Amino acid sequence: MAVYFLDSSALVKRYISEIGSTWVLGLFAPALNHDILVAAVTGVEIIAAITRRSRGGSISASDATTVSNQFKSDWQTEYQVVEIRDNIISSGMMLAELHGLRGYDAIQLAAGRAVNQLCLVNNLPPIVFVSADEELNAAASNEGLVVENPNNYL
């Protein structure tokens, strides 16, 4: 068992087939019993990504509806959702300035860092921060997080 924090660029691979999808799907193998954490903003980002793919024609409208419904169901039962509170907003602002990150990327990193700090304070193993965004991964690594990029796994 391990604790994984997935940003939206990684989690979307569970719902839309692309490079790294097989690796991400493997994280959800019941026998592994991993804890999967996501920032609250990830819900909006996943639905937006699915909708944009449908409008762009890379997936059909019916497939978009199916995977959106599956995601919404999974959101209720399969993810530990990290609420975005003032401390994460403040940390996100600092990380945006420090690393030049986009807004939601800074929030993703701030949420991942907060969870990692909780794990370490409680003598638990560090989280694995999972993102398909190279810039975000570089910032996460600079912040001392263990990072995995699903795009490295065909």
N, C-alpha and C. Protein backbone atom coordinates (compact mmCIF):
# COMPACT_ATOMS: atom_id res chain seq x y z
N MET A 1 0.84 -1.18 0.00
CA MET A 1 0.00 0.00 0.00
C MET A 1 0.89 1.25 0.00
N ALA A 2 0.49 2.23 -0.78
CA ALA A 2 1.19 3.51 -0.83
C ALA A 2 0.14 4.61 -0.93
N VAL A 3 0.58 5.84 -0.71
CA VAL A 3 -0.30 7.00 -0.82
C VAL A 3 0.12 7.77 -2.07
N TYR A 4 -0.82 7.92 -2.98
CA TYR A 4 -0.59 8.65 -4.22
C TYR A 4 -1.47 9.88 -4.24
N PHE A 5 -0.86 10.99 -4.64
CA PHE A 5 -1.61 12.23 -4.87
C PHE A 5 -1.58 12.47 -6.37
N LEU A 6 -2.73 12.43 -7.02
CA LEU A 6 -2.81 12.60 -8.47
C LEU A 6 -3.37 13.97 -8.81
N ASP A 7 -2.67 14.68 -9.69
CA ASP A 7 -3.25 15.91 -10.22
C ASP A 7 -4.16 15.53 -11.38
N SER A 8 -4.83 16.50 -11.95
CA SER A 8 -5.81 16.20 -13.00
C SER A 8 -5.17 15.65 -14.27
N SER A 9 -3.95 16.08 -14.60
CA SER A 9 -3.30 15.58 -15.82
C SER A 9 -2.98 14.10 -15.71
N ALA A 10 -2.85 13.60 -14.51
CA ALA A 10 -2.63 12.17 -14.29
C ALA A 10 -3.96 11.43 -14.17
N LEU A 11 -4.88 11.96 -13.37
CA LEU A 11 -6.14 11.26 -13.11
C LEU A 11 -7.00 11.12 -14.37
N VAL A 12 -6.93 12.10 -15.27
CA VAL A 12 -7.75 12.03 -16.48
C VAL A 12 -7.41 10.76 -17.29
N LYS A 13 -6.20 10.26 -17.12
CA LYS A 13 -5.77 9.06 -17.84
C LYS A 13 -6.55 7.82 -17.40
N ARG A 14 -7.20 7.88 -16.28
CA ARG A 14 -8.06 6.78 -15.85
C ARG A 14 -9.35 6.74 -16.67
N TYR A 15 -9.72 7.86 -17.23
CA TYR A 15 -11.00 7.99 -17.91
C TYR A 15 -10.90 8.14 -19.42
N ILE A 16 -9.78 8.66 -19.88
CA ILE A 16 -9.55 8.83 -21.32
C ILE A 16 -8.24 8.14 -21.66
N SER A 17 -8.28 7.27 -22.64
CA SER A 17 -7.09 6.51 -23.00
C SER A 17 -6.05 7.40 -23.68
N GLU A 18 -4.87 7.43 -23.08
CA GLU A 18 -3.74 8.18 -23.62
C GLU A 18 -2.46 7.58 -23.05
N ILE A 19 -1.32 8.11 -23.44
CA ILE A 19 -0.06 7.61 -22.92
C ILE A 19 -0.10 7.68 -21.39
N GLY A 20 0.27 6.58 -20.76
CA GLY A 20 0.29 6.51 -19.31
C GLY A 20 -0.98 5.99 -18.68
N SER A 21 -2.03 5.79 -19.48
CA SER A 21 -3.29 5.31 -18.91
C SER A 21 -3.15 3.95 -18.25
N THR A 22 -2.43 3.05 -18.86
CA THR A 22 -2.27 1.71 -18.29
C THR A 22 -1.60 1.79 -16.93
N TRP A 23 -0.57 2.63 -16.82
CA TRP A 23 0.12 2.78 -15.54
C TRP A 23 -0.82 3.35 -14.48
N VAL A 24 -1.57 4.40 -14.83
CA VAL A 24 -2.50 5.00 -13.88
C VAL A 24 -3.56 3.98 -13.47
N LEU A 25 -4.11 3.25 -14.41
CA LEU A 25 -5.11 2.23 -14.08
C LEU A 25 -4.56 1.21 -13.10
N GLY A 26 -3.27 0.90 -13.23
CA GLY A 26 -2.64 -0.06 -12.32
C GLY A 26 -2.64 0.41 -10.87
N LEU A 27 -2.64 1.72 -10.64
CA LEU A 27 -2.68 2.23 -9.27
C LEU A 27 -3.96 1.85 -8.55
N PHE A 28 -5.00 1.55 -9.32
CA PHE A 28 -6.32 1.27 -8.75
C PHE A 28 -6.58 -0.23 -8.57
N ALA A 29 -5.57 -1.06 -8.78
CA ALA A 29 -5.74 -2.50 -8.59
C ALA A 29 -6.13 -2.75 -7.13
N PRO A 30 -7.26 -3.40 -6.90
CA PRO A 30 -7.74 -3.59 -5.53
C PRO A 30 -6.72 -4.29 -4.61
N ALA A 31 -5.96 -5.21 -5.16
CA ALA A 31 -5.00 -5.94 -4.33
C ALA A 31 -3.92 -5.04 -3.76
N LEU A 32 -3.64 -3.92 -4.42
CA LEU A 32 -2.59 -3.01 -3.95
C LEU A 32 -3.05 -2.11 -2.81
N ASN A 33 -4.35 -1.85 -2.75
CA ASN A 33 -4.95 -1.08 -1.66
C ASN A 33 -4.29 0.28 -1.45
N HIS A 34 -3.98 0.96 -2.55
CA HIS A 34 -3.39 2.29 -2.46
C HIS A 34 -4.42 3.30 -2.01
N ASP A 35 -3.95 4.31 -1.31
CA ASP A 35 -4.78 5.47 -1.02
C ASP A 35 -4.54 6.48 -2.13
N ILE A 36 -5.62 6.97 -2.72
CA ILE A 36 -5.54 7.94 -3.81
C ILE A 36 -6.15 9.24 -3.33
N LEU A 37 -5.32 10.28 -3.31
CA LEU A 37 -5.76 11.59 -2.88
C LEU A 37 -5.76 12.55 -4.06
N VAL A 38 -6.71 13.46 -4.05
CA VAL A 38 -6.82 14.48 -5.10
C VAL A 38 -7.24 15.79 -4.45
N ALA A 39 -6.84 16.90 -5.05
CA ALA A 39 -7.29 18.21 -4.60
C ALA A 39 -8.74 18.42 -5.06
N ALA A 40 -9.49 19.17 -4.28
CA ALA A 40 -10.90 19.40 -4.61
C ALA A 40 -11.08 20.00 -6.00
N VAL A 41 -10.15 20.83 -6.46
CA VAL A 41 -10.27 21.45 -7.78
C VAL A 41 -10.15 20.42 -8.91
N THR A 42 -9.64 19.25 -8.61
CA THR A 42 -9.46 18.22 -9.63
C THR A 42 -10.79 17.79 -10.23
N GLY A 43 -11.83 17.80 -9.44
CA GLY A 43 -13.15 17.43 -9.96
C GLY A 43 -13.56 18.31 -11.13
N VAL A 44 -13.40 19.60 -10.97
CA VAL A 44 -13.74 20.56 -12.03
C VAL A 44 -12.83 20.33 -13.23
N GLU A 45 -11.54 20.16 -12.97
CA GLU A 45 -10.58 20.01 -14.07
C GLU A 45 -10.85 18.75 -14.90
N ILE A 46 -11.23 17.65 -14.26
CA ILE A 46 -11.50 16.41 -15.00
C ILE A 46 -12.74 16.56 -15.87
N ILE A 47 -13.81 17.08 -15.31
CA ILE A 47 -15.03 17.26 -16.10
C ILE A 47 -14.76 18.21 -17.26
N ALA A 48 -14.01 19.28 -17.02
CA ALA A 48 -13.66 20.22 -18.10
C ALA A 48 -12.84 19.53 -19.18
N ALA A 49 -11.89 18.70 -18.78
CA ALA A 49 -11.04 18.01 -19.77
C ALA A 49 -11.87 17.05 -20.63
N ILE A 50 -12.76 16.32 -19.99
CA ILE A 50 -13.61 15.38 -20.74
C ILE A 50 -14.51 16.15 -21.71
N THR A 51 -15.13 17.21 -21.23
CA THR A 51 -16.03 18.01 -22.06
C THR A 51 -15.28 18.64 -23.24
N ARG A 52 -14.09 19.15 -22.99
CA ARG A 52 -13.30 19.76 -24.07
C ARG A 52 -12.90 18.72 -25.10
N ARG A 53 -12.58 17.52 -24.65
CA ARG A 53 -12.24 16.45 -25.60
C ARG A 53 -13.43 16.12 -26.48
N SER A 54 -14.61 16.09 -25.89
CA SER A 54 -15.82 15.81 -26.66
C SER A 54 -16.09 16.93 -27.66
N ARG A 55 -16.01 18.15 -27.22
CA ARG A 55 -16.26 19.29 -28.13
C ARG A 55 -15.21 19.37 -29.22
N GLY A 56 -14.00 18.92 -28.92
CA GLY A 56 -12.92 18.92 -29.92
C GLY A 56 -12.98 17.72 -30.85
N GLY A 57 -13.86 16.77 -30.54
CA GLY A 57 -14.05 15.63 -31.42
C GLY A 57 -13.14 14.44 -31.18
N SER A 58 -12.30 14.49 -30.14
CA SER A 58 -11.41 13.35 -29.90
C SER A 58 -12.11 12.20 -29.18
N ILE A 59 -13.25 12.48 -28.56
CA ILE A 59 -14.13 11.42 -28.04
C ILE A 59 -15.57 11.80 -28.37
N SER A 60 -16.40 10.79 -28.48
CA SER A 60 -17.80 11.05 -28.83
C SER A 60 -18.55 11.65 -27.65
N ALA A 61 -19.66 12.29 -27.94
CA ALA A 61 -20.49 12.87 -26.89
C ALA A 61 -21.00 11.78 -25.96
N SER A 62 -21.38 10.64 -26.50
CA SER A 62 -21.88 9.56 -25.64
C SER A 62 -20.77 8.99 -24.75
N ASP A 63 -19.55 8.87 -25.29
CA ASP A 63 -18.42 8.42 -24.45
C ASP A 63 -18.12 9.45 -23.37
N ALA A 64 -18.20 10.72 -23.72
CA ALA A 64 -17.96 11.78 -22.74
C ALA A 64 -18.97 11.70 -21.60
N THR A 65 -20.22 11.47 -21.94
CA THR A 65 -21.26 11.35 -20.91
C THR A 65 -20.98 10.15 -20.02
N THR A 66 -20.62 9.02 -20.64
CA THR A 66 -20.33 7.80 -19.88
C THR A 66 -19.17 8.00 -18.93
N VAL A 67 -18.04 8.53 -19.43
CA VAL A 67 -16.88 8.68 -18.56
C VAL A 67 -17.09 9.79 -17.52
N SER A 68 -17.84 10.83 -17.86
CA SER A 68 -18.16 11.87 -16.87
C SER A 68 -18.98 11.28 -15.73
N ASN A 69 -19.96 10.47 -16.08
CA ASN A 69 -20.78 9.83 -15.04
C ASN A 69 -19.95 8.87 -14.19
N GLN A 70 -19.05 8.13 -14.84
CA GLN A 70 -18.19 7.22 -14.08
C GLN A 70 -17.29 8.01 -13.13
N PHE A 71 -16.72 9.10 -13.63
CA PHE A 71 -15.87 9.94 -12.78
C PHE A 71 -16.66 10.47 -11.59
N LYS A 72 -17.86 10.98 -11.83
CA LYS A 72 -18.67 11.53 -10.74
C LYS A 72 -18.99 10.47 -9.69
N SER A 73 -19.22 9.25 -10.13
CA SER A 73 -19.45 8.15 -9.20
C SER A 73 -18.19 7.84 -8.40
N ASP A 74 -17.06 7.74 -9.11
CA ASP A 74 -15.79 7.47 -8.45
C ASP A 74 -15.43 8.58 -7.47
N TRP A 75 -15.75 9.83 -7.82
CA TRP A 75 -15.44 10.98 -6.98
C TRP A 75 -16.05 10.80 -5.59
N GLN A 76 -17.24 10.21 -5.55
CA GLN A 76 -17.94 10.02 -4.28
C GLN A 76 -17.36 8.89 -3.44
N THR A 77 -16.69 7.93 -4.08
CA THR A 77 -16.33 6.72 -3.35
C THR A 77 -14.85 6.33 -3.37
N GLU A 78 -14.09 6.78 -4.36
CA GLU A 78 -12.75 6.23 -4.53
C GLU A 78 -11.60 7.16 -4.22
N TYR A 79 -11.87 8.42 -4.02
CA TYR A 79 -10.80 9.38 -3.80
C TYR A 79 -10.94 10.04 -2.44
N GLN A 80 -9.80 10.30 -1.83
CA GLN A 80 -9.78 11.14 -0.64
C GLN A 80 -9.54 12.56 -1.15
N VAL A 81 -10.51 13.40 -0.96
CA VAL A 81 -10.47 14.75 -1.53
C VAL A 81 -9.88 15.73 -0.51
N VAL A 82 -8.83 16.42 -0.93
CA VAL A 82 -8.18 17.42 -0.09
C VAL A 82 -8.88 18.75 -0.31
N GLU A 83 -9.51 19.24 0.74
CA GLU A 83 -10.22 20.52 0.65
C GLU A 83 -9.20 21.65 0.51
N ILE A 84 -9.60 22.66 -0.20
CA ILE A 84 -8.72 23.80 -0.43
C ILE A 84 -9.07 24.88 0.59
N ARG A 85 -8.25 24.93 1.61
CA ARG A 85 -8.45 25.89 2.70
C ARG A 85 -7.43 27.03 2.59
N ASP A 86 -7.53 27.98 3.48
CA ASP A 86 -6.67 29.17 3.42
C ASP A 86 -5.18 28.83 3.41
N ASN A 87 -4.78 27.83 4.19
CA ASN A 87 -3.36 27.48 4.23
C ASN A 87 -2.87 26.98 2.88
N ILE A 88 -3.70 26.27 2.15
CA ILE A 88 -3.31 25.77 0.83
C ILE A 88 -3.31 26.92 -0.17
N ILE A 89 -4.26 27.82 -0.06
CA ILE A 89 -4.27 29.00 -0.94
C ILE A 89 -3.00 29.82 -0.73
N SER A 90 -2.65 30.08 0.52
CA SER A 90 -1.43 30.85 0.82
C SER A 90 -0.18 30.14 0.29
N SER A 91 -0.12 28.86 0.52
CA SER A 91 1.01 28.08 0.02
C SER A 91 1.04 28.09 -1.51
N GLY A 92 -0.13 27.97 -2.12
CA GLY A 92 -0.22 28.00 -3.58
C GLY A 92 0.27 29.32 -4.16
N MET A 93 -0.06 30.42 -3.51
CA MET A 93 0.43 31.73 -3.97
C MET A 93 1.95 31.79 -3.91
N MET A 94 2.51 31.30 -2.82
CA MET A 94 3.95 31.30 -2.67
C MET A 94 4.61 30.41 -3.73
N LEU A 95 4.03 29.24 -3.96
CA LEU A 95 4.59 28.31 -4.95
C LEU A 95 4.46 28.86 -6.37
N ALA A 96 3.38 29.57 -6.65
CA ALA A 96 3.21 30.20 -7.98
C ALA A 96 4.31 31.21 -8.22
N GLU A 97 4.59 32.01 -7.21
CA GLU A 97 5.67 33.00 -7.33
C GLU A 97 7.04 32.34 -7.44
N LEU A 98 7.28 31.37 -6.60
CA LEU A 98 8.59 30.74 -6.53
C LEU A 98 8.93 29.96 -7.80
N HIS A 99 7.94 29.22 -8.31
CA HIS A 99 8.20 28.32 -9.44
C HIS A 99 7.58 28.79 -10.76
N GLY A 100 6.85 29.90 -10.75
CA GLY A 100 6.22 30.39 -11.97
C GLY A 100 5.12 29.46 -12.49
N LEU A 101 4.41 28.81 -11.58
CA LEU A 101 3.36 27.86 -11.96
C LEU A 101 2.05 28.56 -12.32
N ARG A 102 1.24 27.87 -13.14
CA ARG A 102 -0.13 28.30 -13.40
C ARG A 102 -0.92 28.14 -12.10
N GLY A 103 -2.05 28.83 -12.01
CA GLY A 103 -2.83 28.88 -10.77
C GLY A 103 -3.21 27.52 -10.21
N TYR A 104 -3.92 26.73 -10.99
CA TYR A 104 -4.36 25.44 -10.45
C TYR A 104 -3.19 24.48 -10.23
N ASP A 105 -2.13 24.62 -11.01
CA ASP A 105 -0.95 23.78 -10.76
C ASP A 105 -0.34 24.12 -9.40
N ALA A 106 -0.29 25.40 -9.07
CA ALA A 106 0.23 25.79 -7.76
C ALA A 106 -0.65 25.26 -6.63
N ILE A 107 -1.96 25.25 -6.84
CA ILE A 107 -2.88 24.69 -5.84
C ILE A 107 -2.67 23.17 -5.72
N GLN A 108 -2.51 22.50 -6.86
CA GLN A 108 -2.25 21.05 -6.82
C GLN A 108 -0.99 20.76 -6.00
N LEU A 109 0.07 21.51 -6.27
CA LEU A 109 1.32 21.30 -5.56
C LEU A 109 1.17 21.64 -4.07
N ALA A 110 0.49 22.72 -3.77
CA ALA A 110 0.28 23.08 -2.37
C ALA A 110 -0.50 22.01 -1.62
N ALA A 111 -1.51 21.46 -2.26
CA ALA A 111 -2.30 20.39 -1.63
C ALA A 111 -1.44 19.13 -1.44
N GLY A 112 -0.67 18.78 -2.46
CA GLY A 112 0.21 17.62 -2.34
C GLY A 112 1.24 17.80 -1.24
N ARG A 113 1.82 18.98 -1.16
CA ARG A 113 2.79 19.28 -0.11
C ARG A 113 2.17 19.18 1.27
N ALA A 114 0.96 19.69 1.42
CA ALA A 114 0.28 19.65 2.72
C ALA A 114 0.04 18.21 3.16
N VAL A 115 -0.41 17.37 2.24
CA VAL A 115 -0.64 15.96 2.57
C VAL A 115 0.69 15.27 2.91
N ASN A 116 1.72 15.57 2.14
CA ASN A 116 3.02 14.97 2.40
C ASN A 116 3.53 15.36 3.79
N GLN A 117 3.38 16.63 4.15
CA GLN A 117 3.82 17.08 5.48
C GLN A 117 3.07 16.36 6.58
N LEU A 118 1.77 16.14 6.39
CA LEU A 118 0.99 15.39 7.37
C LEU A 118 1.50 13.96 7.51
N CYS A 119 1.81 13.35 6.38
CA CYS A 119 2.35 11.98 6.42
C CYS A 119 3.65 11.93 7.20
N LEU A 120 4.55 12.84 6.89
CA LEU A 120 5.86 12.84 7.53
C LEU A 120 5.78 13.13 9.02
N VAL A 121 4.93 14.07 9.41
CA VAL A 121 4.75 14.41 10.82
C VAL A 121 4.22 13.20 11.60
N ASN A 122 3.43 12.38 10.94
CA ASN A 122 2.84 11.21 11.59
C ASN A 122 3.64 9.93 11.34
N ASN A 123 4.91 10.09 10.96
CA ASN A 123 5.82 8.97 10.74
C ASN A 123 5.30 7.97 9.72
N LEU A 124 4.63 8.49 8.70
CA LEU A 124 4.15 7.67 7.59
C LEU A 124 5.08 7.89 6.40
N PRO A 125 5.08 6.96 5.45
CA PRO A 125 5.90 7.17 4.25
C PRO A 125 5.43 8.40 3.48
N PRO A 126 6.33 9.03 2.73
CA PRO A 126 5.93 10.18 1.93
C PRO A 126 4.95 9.77 0.84
N ILE A 127 4.20 10.76 0.37
CA ILE A 127 3.29 10.50 -0.75
C ILE A 127 4.11 10.39 -2.04
N VAL A 128 3.45 9.88 -3.06
CA VAL A 128 3.99 9.93 -4.41
C VAL A 128 3.10 10.91 -5.17
N PHE A 129 3.71 11.99 -5.64
CA PHE A 129 3.00 13.03 -6.38
C PHE A 129 3.01 12.62 -7.84
N VAL A 130 1.81 12.46 -8.43
CA VAL A 130 1.70 11.96 -9.80
C VAL A 130 1.10 13.04 -10.69
N SER A 131 1.86 13.41 -11.72
CA SER A 131 1.41 14.42 -12.67
C SER A 131 2.04 14.15 -14.02
N ALA A 132 1.34 14.50 -15.08
CA ALA A 132 1.87 14.39 -16.43
C ALA A 132 2.39 15.73 -16.92
N ASP A 133 2.52 16.70 -16.03
CA ASP A 133 2.96 18.05 -16.36
C ASP A 133 4.42 18.20 -15.93
N GLU A 134 5.32 18.34 -16.90
CA GLU A 134 6.75 18.40 -16.60
C GLU A 134 7.11 19.59 -15.72
N GLU A 135 6.53 20.74 -15.98
CA GLU A 135 6.83 21.93 -15.19
C GLU A 135 6.39 21.74 -13.74
N LEU A 136 5.20 21.20 -13.55
CA LEU A 136 4.69 20.93 -12.21
C LEU A 136 5.55 19.87 -11.52
N ASN A 137 5.94 18.84 -12.26
CA ASN A 137 6.78 17.80 -11.67
C ASN A 137 8.13 18.35 -11.22
N ALA A 138 8.70 19.24 -12.02
CA ALA A 138 9.99 19.84 -11.63
C ALA A 138 9.83 20.64 -10.34
N ALA A 139 8.74 21.40 -10.23
CA ALA A 139 8.50 22.17 -9.02
C ALA A 139 8.28 21.24 -7.82
N ALA A 140 7.50 20.17 -8.03
CA ALA A 140 7.23 19.22 -6.95
C ALA A 140 8.52 18.56 -6.48
N SER A 141 9.36 18.19 -7.42
CA SER A 141 10.65 17.59 -7.07
C SER A 141 11.52 18.59 -6.30
N ASN A 142 11.53 19.85 -6.74
CA ASN A 142 12.27 20.89 -6.03
C ASN A 142 11.74 21.12 -4.62
N GLU A 143 10.47 20.82 -4.41
CA GLU A 143 9.86 20.94 -3.09
C GLU A 143 10.06 19.69 -2.24
N GLY A 144 10.81 18.72 -2.77
CA GLY A 144 11.15 17.52 -2.00
C GLY A 144 10.18 16.37 -2.11
N LEU A 145 9.21 16.47 -3.03
CA LEU A 145 8.25 15.38 -3.18
C LEU A 145 8.80 14.28 -4.08
N VAL A 146 8.38 13.07 -3.81
CA VAL A 146 8.64 11.95 -4.71
C VAL A 146 7.66 12.11 -5.87
N VAL A 147 8.16 12.08 -7.09
CA VAL A 147 7.34 12.40 -8.26
C VAL A 147 7.33 11.22 -9.24
N GLU A 148 6.17 10.97 -9.81
CA GLU A 148 6.03 10.01 -10.92
C GLU A 148 5.27 10.70 -12.03
N ASN A 149 5.74 10.48 -13.26
CA ASN A 149 5.06 10.98 -14.45
C ASN A 149 4.52 9.79 -15.22
N PRO A 150 3.20 9.63 -15.30
CA PRO A 150 2.64 8.47 -16.01
C PRO A 150 3.01 8.44 -17.48
N ASN A 151 3.39 9.60 -18.05
CA ASN A 151 3.79 9.62 -19.45
C ASN A 151 5.10 8.89 -19.69
N ASN A 152 5.82 8.57 -18.63
CA ASN A 152 7.05 7.79 -18.75
C ASN A 152 6.79 6.30 -18.90
N TYR A 153 5.53 5.92 -18.83
CA TYR A 153 5.14 4.51 -18.93
C TYR A 153 4.20 4.33 -20.10
N LEU A 154 4.67 3.67 -21.12
CA LEU A 154 3.83 3.46 -22.31
C LEU A 154 2.86 2.39 -21.98
